[in-house]
C-alpha cells in the first residue's frame, strides 16, 4: 500500500506533457484562424488557457484535496444538477445552438457544454451505485443468503439510468458523447463483478441503439458510409476523412515542424477540435504520434494501477471509470482520424480546443490523484 500523500508522479508527468503538447499544437494551428476571425492571432489560445486550463487546474486541485467519500456522498446530486443543465440547453436565450446541435449554455463571457461534465458525474454516480450493490451482495453472503446479483437488482435499474442519459444526449444530439458514456458504463458494470450476460445485453442494446441513431440522420449515416467506403465522394461526404489522412501521411517519420501558415489547415475541417490529431501528426510525424499514443497508454496504465491498489470499492470503480473514459475517448478520436473507426465528434483529451472538456478531464485527473495519494 502507498504511504500517505504519496501521489502518482508518473500520472502527473504524462498529463503535464499532454497539456503542453496541446498548448503547442493549438498555438500553432489556431493563430491564422484567430487572426482571420477575431483580428488577433492569440484568441483561441488565450481562451483555452483562461476558460479551460486555469479553471481546470483549480477544480482539479480541489478534487484532489477533498475526501474521496465526498464524491460518493454527493454523486447523485452532481448527476441531477448535470442532467438539469442538459435540459437548459434547449431553453430560449440560455441554450446555444450551433451546426444543428443544442449542446451549450450561454454564461455571458463564455459558454458551457454540460454533456462534457456528464462524463465525470455519470462515472461518479455509477461507481457509487455499483459499489453500494456490491456491499449489499457482501452483506447477503455474510448472512448465508444467496449472494447472486439478480437482473432486477442491478441490470434493470442500470438500464433505466442509462436510458435517461441516452434520451437527453440523443435530443441534443450528441451521439459521440453517448457512445463514450455507453462504452465506459458497460466496462464499469462488467468490472464490478456483475454476471457476464448482463454486460452482453448492455453491449447489444447499446449497439442496436447506436445503429438506430445512425440511421435517423443523414450526416451520421454518411460518416458510417465513408468509414466503410472511404473513397466514396472525396469532395463531398468523404472530404474530411480524405483530408485528415492526407495530413497524417504528409507528416512522414519526423513531421514538418510547428509553423503558422494558413495553408496547413485550410483544407482540413475542424482543425482545432475534432481533427487536431491530423494536424499533430503532420507537424510531429509518426514518431511524435507514437509518443502521443504512448502517453495515453501510460495514463491508462497508471489509472488501472491506482484502481488495483485501492482498498475501497468506490475508489476502485471511480479510478477505472475515469481511466476507461479518457482512454476510450482518446482512441476513438485517433482511430477515426486514421480511418480505423467512423468519424466522431469527440475531442482528443487534453489536446483539442474546448474549455468544458479540458476542465472535466482535469477534474478526473484530480480525483485519480486523490485516490492514489493514500491508496484508498
Protein backbone atom coordinates (compact mmCIF):
# COMPACT_ATOMS: atom_id res chain seq x y z
CA UNK A 1 0.00 0.00 0.00
CA UNK A 2 1.18 3.52 -0.72
CA UNK A 3 2.23 5.82 2.08
CA UNK A 4 0.02 8.78 2.95
CA UNK A 5 0.22 11.59 0.38
CA UNK A 6 2.39 9.55 -1.99
CA UNK A 7 0.72 10.69 -5.18
CA UNK A 8 1.32 9.21 -8.62
CA UNK A 9 4.01 11.40 -10.20
CA UNK A 10 4.11 9.30 -13.37
CA UNK A 11 0.45 10.18 -13.98
CA UNK A 12 1.16 13.85 -13.29
CA UNK A 13 4.08 13.76 -15.73
CA UNK A 14 2.07 12.11 -18.52
CA UNK A 15 -0.83 14.54 -18.17
CA UNK A 16 1.53 17.55 -17.96
CA UNK A 17 3.24 16.56 -21.21
CA UNK A 18 -0.15 16.05 -22.88
CA UNK A 19 -1.29 19.52 -21.82
CA UNK A 20 1.96 21.12 -23.01
CA UNK A 21 1.64 19.37 -26.38
CA UNK A 22 -1.96 20.54 -26.58
CA UNK A 23 -0.97 24.15 -25.94
CA UNK A 24 1.86 23.96 -28.50
CA UNK A 25 -0.26 22.48 -31.28
CA UNK A 26 -3.18 24.82 -30.54
CA UNK A 27 -0.88 27.85 -30.62
CA UNK A 28 0.42 26.71 -33.99
CA UNK A 29 -2.82 25.76 -35.72
CA UNK A 30 -5.14 28.39 -34.24
CA UNK A 31 -3.10 31.53 -34.89
CA UNK A 32 -4.12 32.11 -38.53
CA UNK A 33 -7.72 31.13 -37.78
CA UNK A 34 -7.83 33.52 -34.80
CA UNK A 35 -6.39 36.30 -36.93
CA UNK A 36 -8.97 35.72 -39.64
CA UNK A 37 -12.00 35.57 -37.31
CA UNK A 38 -11.08 37.93 -34.46
CA UNK A 39 -8.27 40.10 -35.79
CA UNK A 40 -5.67 38.75 -33.33
CA UNK A 41 -3.62 35.55 -33.51
CA UNK A 42 -3.94 34.53 -29.84
CA UNK A 43 -7.72 34.48 -29.30
CA UNK A 44 -8.25 30.69 -29.29
CA UNK A 45 -5.07 30.03 -27.32
CA UNK A 46 -5.87 32.69 -24.72
CA UNK A 47 -9.46 31.44 -24.44
CA UNK A 48 -8.32 27.84 -23.92
CA UNK A 49 -5.92 28.89 -21.16
CA UNK A 50 -8.28 31.26 -19.36
CA UNK A 51 -11.54 29.32 -19.72
CA UNK A 52 -10.18 25.77 -19.83
CA UNK A 53 -6.71 25.25 -18.38
CA UNK A 54 -6.74 27.61 -15.39
CA UNK A 55 -10.26 26.69 -14.15
CA UNK A 56 -9.42 23.04 -14.83
CA UNK A 57 -6.29 23.22 -12.68
CA UNK A 58 -8.23 24.94 -9.88
CA UNK A 59 -11.11 22.44 -9.88
CA UNK A 60 -8.68 19.56 -10.38
CA UNK A 61 -6.74 20.66 -7.29
CA UNK A 62 -9.96 20.90 -5.28
CA UNK A 63 -10.92 17.40 -6.48
CA UNK A 64 -7.50 16.22 -5.29
CA UNK A 65 -7.83 17.74 -1.82
CA UNK A 66 -11.38 16.89 -0.70
CA UNK A 67 -12.04 13.49 0.95
CA UNK A 68 -12.84 10.88 -1.68
CA UNK A 69 -16.05 9.95 0.14
CA UNK A 70 -17.30 13.45 -0.66
CA UNK A 71 -17.76 12.37 -4.27
CA UNK A 72 -19.61 9.24 -3.26
CA UNK A 73 -21.93 11.12 -0.92
CA UNK A 74 -22.82 13.83 -3.43
CA UNK A 75 -22.62 11.84 -6.68
CA UNK A 76 -26.40 11.70 -7.15
CA UNK A 77 -26.72 15.45 -6.55
CA UNK A 78 -23.95 16.15 -9.06
CA UNK A 79 -25.67 13.95 -11.65
CA UNK A 80 -29.09 15.56 -11.12
CA UNK A 81 -27.63 19.07 -11.44
CA UNK A 82 -25.79 17.98 -14.57
CA UNK A 83 -28.94 16.46 -16.12
CA UNK A 84 -30.88 19.64 -15.32
CA UNK A 85 -28.19 21.72 -17.02
CA UNK A 86 -28.55 19.49 -20.07
CA UNK A 87 -32.23 20.39 -20.21
CA UNK A 88 -31.29 24.08 -20.09
CA UNK A 89 -29.50 23.83 -23.45
CA UNK A 90 -32.99 23.83 -25.02
CA UNK A 91 -34.17 26.92 -23.09
CA UNK A 92 -34.58 30.14 -25.10
CA UNK A 93 -31.87 32.79 -24.50
CA UNK A 94 -29.92 30.32 -22.32
CA UNK A 95 -29.21 27.43 -24.66
CA UNK A 96 -26.86 27.94 -27.60
CA UNK A 97 -27.32 26.01 -30.84
CA UNK A 98 -24.60 25.58 -33.43
CA UNK A 99 -24.41 23.39 -36.51
CA UNK A 100 -27.85 21.91 -35.84
CA UNK A 101 -26.93 20.83 -32.29
CA UNK A 102 -28.08 22.28 -28.95
CA UNK A 103 -25.23 21.49 -26.58
CA UNK A 104 -24.16 24.70 -24.89
CA UNK A 105 -25.33 27.09 -22.17
CA UNK A 106 -24.56 30.79 -22.54
CA UNK A 107 -22.97 32.16 -19.35
CA UNK A 108 -22.11 35.58 -20.74
CA UNK A 109 -18.33 35.67 -21.04
CA UNK A 110 -18.17 32.04 -22.08
CA UNK A 111 -20.35 29.04 -22.87
CA UNK A 112 -20.55 25.71 -21.05
CA UNK A 113 -21.12 22.26 -22.56
CA UNK A 114 -22.99 20.16 -19.95
CA UNK A 115 -22.52 16.89 -21.84
CA UNK A 116 -18.77 17.09 -21.19
CA UNK A 117 -19.35 17.26 -17.44
CA UNK A 118 -21.74 14.32 -17.71
CA UNK A 119 -18.76 12.08 -18.41
CA UNK A 120 -17.37 12.61 -14.91
CA UNK A 121 -20.65 12.94 -12.98
CA UNK A 122 -22.00 9.77 -14.60
CA UNK A 123 -18.83 7.84 -13.73
CA UNK A 124 -19.03 9.03 -10.11
CA UNK A 125 -22.69 8.11 -9.76
CA UNK A 126 -22.36 4.70 -11.43
CA UNK A 127 -19.29 3.92 -9.28
CA UNK A 128 -21.22 4.89 -6.14
CA UNK A 129 -24.32 2.96 -7.19
CA UNK A 130 -22.43 -0.19 -8.20
CA UNK A 131 -20.30 -0.15 -5.05
CA UNK A 132 -23.48 0.01 -2.96
CA UNK A 133 -24.84 -3.02 -4.85
CA UNK A 134 -21.59 -4.88 -4.14
CA UNK A 135 -21.85 -4.05 -0.44
CA UNK A 136 -25.42 -5.40 -0.38
CA UNK A 137 -24.15 -8.56 -2.07
CA UNK A 138 -21.39 -8.99 0.55
CA UNK A 139 -23.85 -8.48 3.41
CA UNK A 140 -26.19 -11.05 1.90
CA UNK A 141 -23.31 -13.52 1.52
CA UNK A 142 -22.15 -13.00 5.11
CA UNK A 143 -25.68 -13.67 6.32
CA UNK A 144 -25.74 -17.00 4.48
CA UNK A 145 -28.21 -15.92 1.79
CA UNK A 146 -27.80 -16.19 -1.96
CA UNK A 147 -25.10 -13.71 -2.99
CA UNK A 148 -26.01 -13.63 -6.69
CA UNK A 149 -26.92 -10.21 -8.10
CA UNK A 150 -30.23 -10.54 -9.93
CA UNK A 151 -31.13 -8.55 -13.03
CA UNK A 152 -33.90 -6.70 -11.20
CA UNK A 153 -31.40 -5.53 -8.59
CA UNK A 154 -28.70 -4.21 -10.92
CA UNK A 155 -29.29 -4.57 -14.66
CA UNK A 156 -32.78 -3.10 -14.90
CA UNK A 157 -32.08 -0.02 -12.71
CA UNK A 158 -28.76 0.45 -14.54
CA UNK A 159 -30.51 0.41 -17.92
CA UNK A 160 -33.08 2.91 -16.69
CA UNK A 161 -30.34 5.32 -15.59
CA UNK A 162 -28.50 4.85 -18.88
CA UNK A 163 -31.78 5.29 -20.77
CA UNK A 164 -32.43 8.70 -19.19
CA UNK A 165 -28.95 9.87 -20.16
CA UNK A 166 -29.42 8.47 -23.67
CA UNK A 167 -32.64 10.42 -24.23
CA UNK A 168 -31.02 13.73 -23.27
CA UNK A 169 -27.91 13.17 -25.37
CA UNK A 170 -29.94 11.96 -28.36
CA UNK A 171 -32.12 15.06 -28.16
CA UNK A 172 -29.17 17.46 -28.38
CA UNK A 173 -27.96 15.41 -30.43
CA UNK A 174 -24.55 14.29 -29.14
CA UNK A 175 -24.19 10.68 -30.23
CA UNK A 176 -20.40 10.68 -29.99
CA UNK A 177 -20.50 11.54 -26.29
CA UNK A 178 -23.25 8.95 -25.83
CA UNK A 179 -21.00 6.31 -27.38
CA UNK A 180 -18.17 7.14 -24.97
CA UNK A 181 -20.53 7.04 -21.98
CA UNK A 182 -22.15 3.72 -23.01
CA UNK A 183 -18.76 2.09 -23.57
CA UNK A 184 -17.43 3.39 -20.24
CA UNK A 185 -20.57 2.38 -18.36
CA UNK A 186 -20.59 -1.13 -19.86
CA UNK A 187 -16.94 -1.72 -18.94
CA UNK A 188 -17.51 -0.37 -15.44
CA UNK A 189 -20.58 -2.55 -14.99
CA UNK A 190 -18.62 -5.63 -16.11
CA UNK A 191 -15.65 -4.76 -13.85
CA UNK A 192 -17.95 -4.54 -10.82
CA UNK A 193 -18.44 -8.32 -10.83
CA UNK A 194 -21.95 -8.50 -12.24
CA UNK A 195 -22.95 -11.52 -14.36
CA UNK A 196 -21.35 -11.63 -17.80
CA UNK A 197 -24.69 -11.92 -19.60
CA UNK A 198 -25.70 -8.55 -18.12
CA UNK A 199 -22.76 -6.88 -19.87
CA UNK A 200 -23.51 -8.74 -23.11
CA UNK A 201 -27.09 -7.43 -23.02
CA UNK A 202 -25.90 -3.87 -22.36
CA UNK A 203 -23.47 -4.03 -25.30
CA UNK A 204 -26.11 -5.49 -27.63
CA UNK A 205 -28.76 -2.95 -26.65
CA UNK A 206 -26.23 -0.12 -26.89
CA UNK A 207 -25.04 -1.26 -30.32
CA UNK A 208 -28.60 -1.58 -31.64
CA UNK A 209 -29.44 1.86 -30.26
CA UNK A 210 -26.36 3.50 -31.79
CA UNK A 211 -27.05 1.95 -35.20
CA UNK A 212 -30.65 3.15 -34.94
CA UNK A 213 -29.44 6.70 -34.22
CA UNK A 214 -27.02 6.48 -37.14
CA UNK A 215 -29.92 5.73 -39.45
CA UNK A 216 -32.05 8.64 -38.24
CA UNK A 217 -29.75 11.40 -39.53
CA UNK A 218 -28.13 11.60 -42.95
CA UNK A 219 -24.85 13.11 -41.69
CA UNK A 220 -24.37 10.25 -39.21
CA UNK A 221 -25.20 7.69 -41.89
CA UNK A 222 -22.74 9.38 -44.25
CA UNK A 223 -19.99 9.17 -41.63
CA UNK A 224 -20.57 5.45 -41.28
CA UNK A 225 -20.75 5.05 -45.05
CA UNK A 226 -17.41 6.83 -45.57
CA UNK A 227 -15.87 4.58 -42.92
CA UNK A 228 -16.92 1.52 -44.92
CA UNK A 229 -16.00 3.12 -48.25
CA UNK A 230 -13.53 5.98 -47.64
CA UNK A 231 -13.02 6.50 -51.39
CA UNK A 232 -16.67 7.47 -51.91
CA UNK A 233 -17.40 11.09 -52.87
CA UNK A 234 -13.95 12.52 -51.90
CA UNK A 235 -15.11 16.09 -52.45
CA UNK A 236 -18.38 15.58 -50.57
CA UNK A 237 -19.18 13.26 -47.67
CA UNK A 238 -15.70 11.70 -47.82
CA UNK A 239 -13.88 15.04 -47.77
CA UNK A 240 -12.98 15.20 -44.06
CA UNK A 241 -11.51 11.71 -43.77
CA UNK A 242 -9.65 12.16 -47.07
CA UNK A 243 -8.05 15.42 -45.94
CA UNK A 244 -7.32 14.02 -42.49
CA UNK A 245 -5.47 11.04 -44.00
CA UNK A 246 -3.52 13.36 -46.29
CA UNK A 247 -2.49 15.49 -43.31
CA UNK A 248 -1.44 12.43 -41.28
CA UNK A 249 0.51 10.97 -44.19
CA UNK A 250 2.26 14.26 -45.02
CA UNK A 251 3.91 14.25 -41.58
CA UNK A 252 6.21 11.41 -42.55
CA UNK A 253 8.51 9.97 -39.89
CA UNK A 254 9.65 13.14 -38.12
CA UNK A 255 6.95 15.63 -39.11
CA UNK A 256 7.11 19.03 -40.80
CA UNK A 257 7.53 21.02 -37.59
CA UNK A 258 5.48 23.74 -35.94
CA UNK A 259 4.62 26.58 -38.28
CA UNK A 260 1.94 29.19 -38.61
CA UNK A 261 0.58 29.03 -42.14
CA UNK A 262 -2.99 29.11 -43.33
CA UNK A 263 -2.01 26.55 -45.96
CA UNK A 264 -1.58 23.71 -43.49
CA UNK A 265 -5.14 23.61 -42.22
CA UNK A 266 -7.33 25.50 -44.70
CA UNK A 267 -8.19 22.18 -46.35
CA UNK A 268 -8.95 20.37 -43.07
CA UNK A 269 -12.38 20.67 -41.37
CA UNK A 270 -12.34 21.36 -37.59
CA UNK A 271 -8.53 21.62 -37.29
CA UNK A 272 -8.53 22.80 -33.65
CA UNK A 273 -11.11 20.34 -32.34
CA UNK A 274 -12.16 17.03 -33.93
CA UNK A 275 -9.28 16.87 -36.44
CA UNK A 276 -6.45 18.20 -34.27
CA UNK A 277 -4.69 14.81 -34.25
CA UNK A 278 -4.29 15.09 -38.04
CA UNK A 279 -2.54 18.44 -37.56
CA UNK A 280 -0.45 16.97 -34.73
CA UNK A 281 0.62 14.05 -36.95
CA UNK A 282 1.51 16.44 -39.76
CA UNK A 283 3.71 18.57 -37.54
CA UNK A 284 5.27 15.88 -35.30
CA UNK A 285 5.21 12.92 -37.69
CA UNK A 286 4.98 9.20 -36.95
CA UNK A 287 7.45 9.40 -34.05
CA UNK A 288 5.55 12.24 -32.39
CA UNK A 289 2.21 10.50 -32.93
CA UNK A 290 3.59 7.27 -31.44
CA UNK A 291 4.79 9.28 -28.45
CA UNK A 292 1.32 10.82 -28.05
CA UNK A 293 -0.36 7.41 -28.16
CA UNK A 294 2.19 6.16 -25.62
CA UNK A 295 1.22 8.95 -23.23
CA UNK A 296 -2.40 7.81 -23.31
CA UNK A 297 -1.28 4.23 -22.71
CA UNK A 298 0.73 5.45 -19.71
CA UNK A 299 -2.37 7.26 -18.49
CA UNK A 300 -4.41 4.05 -18.76
CA UNK A 301 -1.67 2.03 -17.04
CA UNK A 302 -1.43 4.41 -14.10
CA UNK A 303 -5.21 4.65 -13.81
CA UNK A 304 -5.60 0.88 -13.70
CA UNK A 305 -2.71 0.64 -11.22
CA UNK A 306 -4.37 3.21 -8.95
CA UNK A 307 -7.62 1.27 -9.15
CA UNK A 308 -5.93 -2.02 -8.32
CA UNK A 309 -4.13 -0.51 -5.30
CA UNK A 310 -7.36 0.92 -3.89
CA UNK A 311 -8.99 -0.92 -0.99
CA UNK A 312 -12.28 0.95 -1.22
CA UNK A 313 -14.67 -0.37 -3.91
CA UNK A 314 -15.97 3.07 -4.80
CA UNK A 315 -12.41 4.31 -5.32
CA UNK A 316 -11.58 1.27 -7.43
CA UNK A 317 -14.56 1.73 -9.73
CA UNK A 318 -14.11 5.51 -9.95
CA UNK A 319 -10.45 5.15 -10.95
CA UNK A 320 -11.42 2.52 -13.52
CA UNK A 321 -14.25 4.66 -14.88
CA UNK A 322 -12.07 7.76 -15.33
CA UNK A 323 -9.33 5.66 -16.95
CA UNK A 324 -11.82 3.97 -19.30
CA UNK A 325 -13.49 7.26 -20.25
CA UNK A 326 -10.36 9.25 -21.16
CA UNK A 327 -8.55 6.35 -22.83
CA UNK A 328 -11.60 5.25 -24.85
CA UNK A 329 -12.24 8.83 -25.96
CA UNK A 330 -8.61 9.31 -26.99
CA UNK A 331 -8.54 6.19 -29.14
CA UNK A 332 -11.95 6.89 -30.67
CA UNK A 333 -10.68 10.31 -31.77
CA UNK A 334 -7.35 8.99 -33.07
CA UNK A 335 -8.94 5.90 -34.63
CA UNK A 336 -11.50 7.97 -36.53
CA UNK A 337 -8.84 10.32 -37.92
CA UNK A 338 -6.67 7.47 -39.26
CA UNK A 339 -9.70 5.67 -40.71
CA UNK A 340 -9.99 2.59 -38.48
CA UNK A 341 -13.19 3.90 -36.85
CA UNK A 342 -16.07 6.03 -38.18
CA UNK A 343 -15.55 9.79 -37.85
CA UNK A 344 -16.66 11.06 -34.46
CA UNK A 345 -17.15 14.45 -32.86
CA UNK A 346 -15.38 13.64 -29.59
CA UNK A 347 -12.39 15.83 -28.69
CA UNK A 348 -8.89 14.45 -28.15
CA UNK A 349 -8.40 14.64 -24.35
CA UNK A 350 -6.03 17.39 -23.15
CA UNK A 351 -5.27 18.36 -26.77
CA UNK A 352 -8.42 19.56 -28.56
CA UNK A 353 -9.78 23.08 -28.17
CA UNK A 354 -12.67 23.25 -25.72
CA UNK A 355 -12.83 24.65 -22.21
CA UNK A 356 -15.56 22.36 -20.83
CA UNK A 357 -13.75 19.24 -22.00
CA UNK A 358 -10.40 20.29 -20.51
CA UNK A 359 -11.97 21.27 -17.17
CA UNK A 360 -13.74 17.92 -16.92
CA UNK A 361 -10.59 15.98 -17.81
CA UNK A 362 -8.52 17.81 -15.20
CA UNK A 363 -11.18 17.17 -12.57
CA UNK A 364 -10.93 13.49 -13.48
CA UNK A 365 -7.13 13.63 -13.08
CA UNK A 366 -7.55 15.36 -9.71
CA UNK A 367 -9.83 12.56 -8.50
CA UNK A 368 -7.37 9.92 -9.74
CA UNK A 369 -4.55 11.61 -7.84
CA UNK A 370 -6.82 11.88 -4.80
CA UNK A 371 -7.35 8.13 -4.87
CA UNK A 372 -3.65 7.44 -5.45
CA UNK A 373 -2.31 9.61 -2.62
CA UNK A 374 -3.33 7.22 0.14
CA UNK A 375 -4.01 4.05 -1.82
CA UNK A 376 -7.61 4.09 -0.56
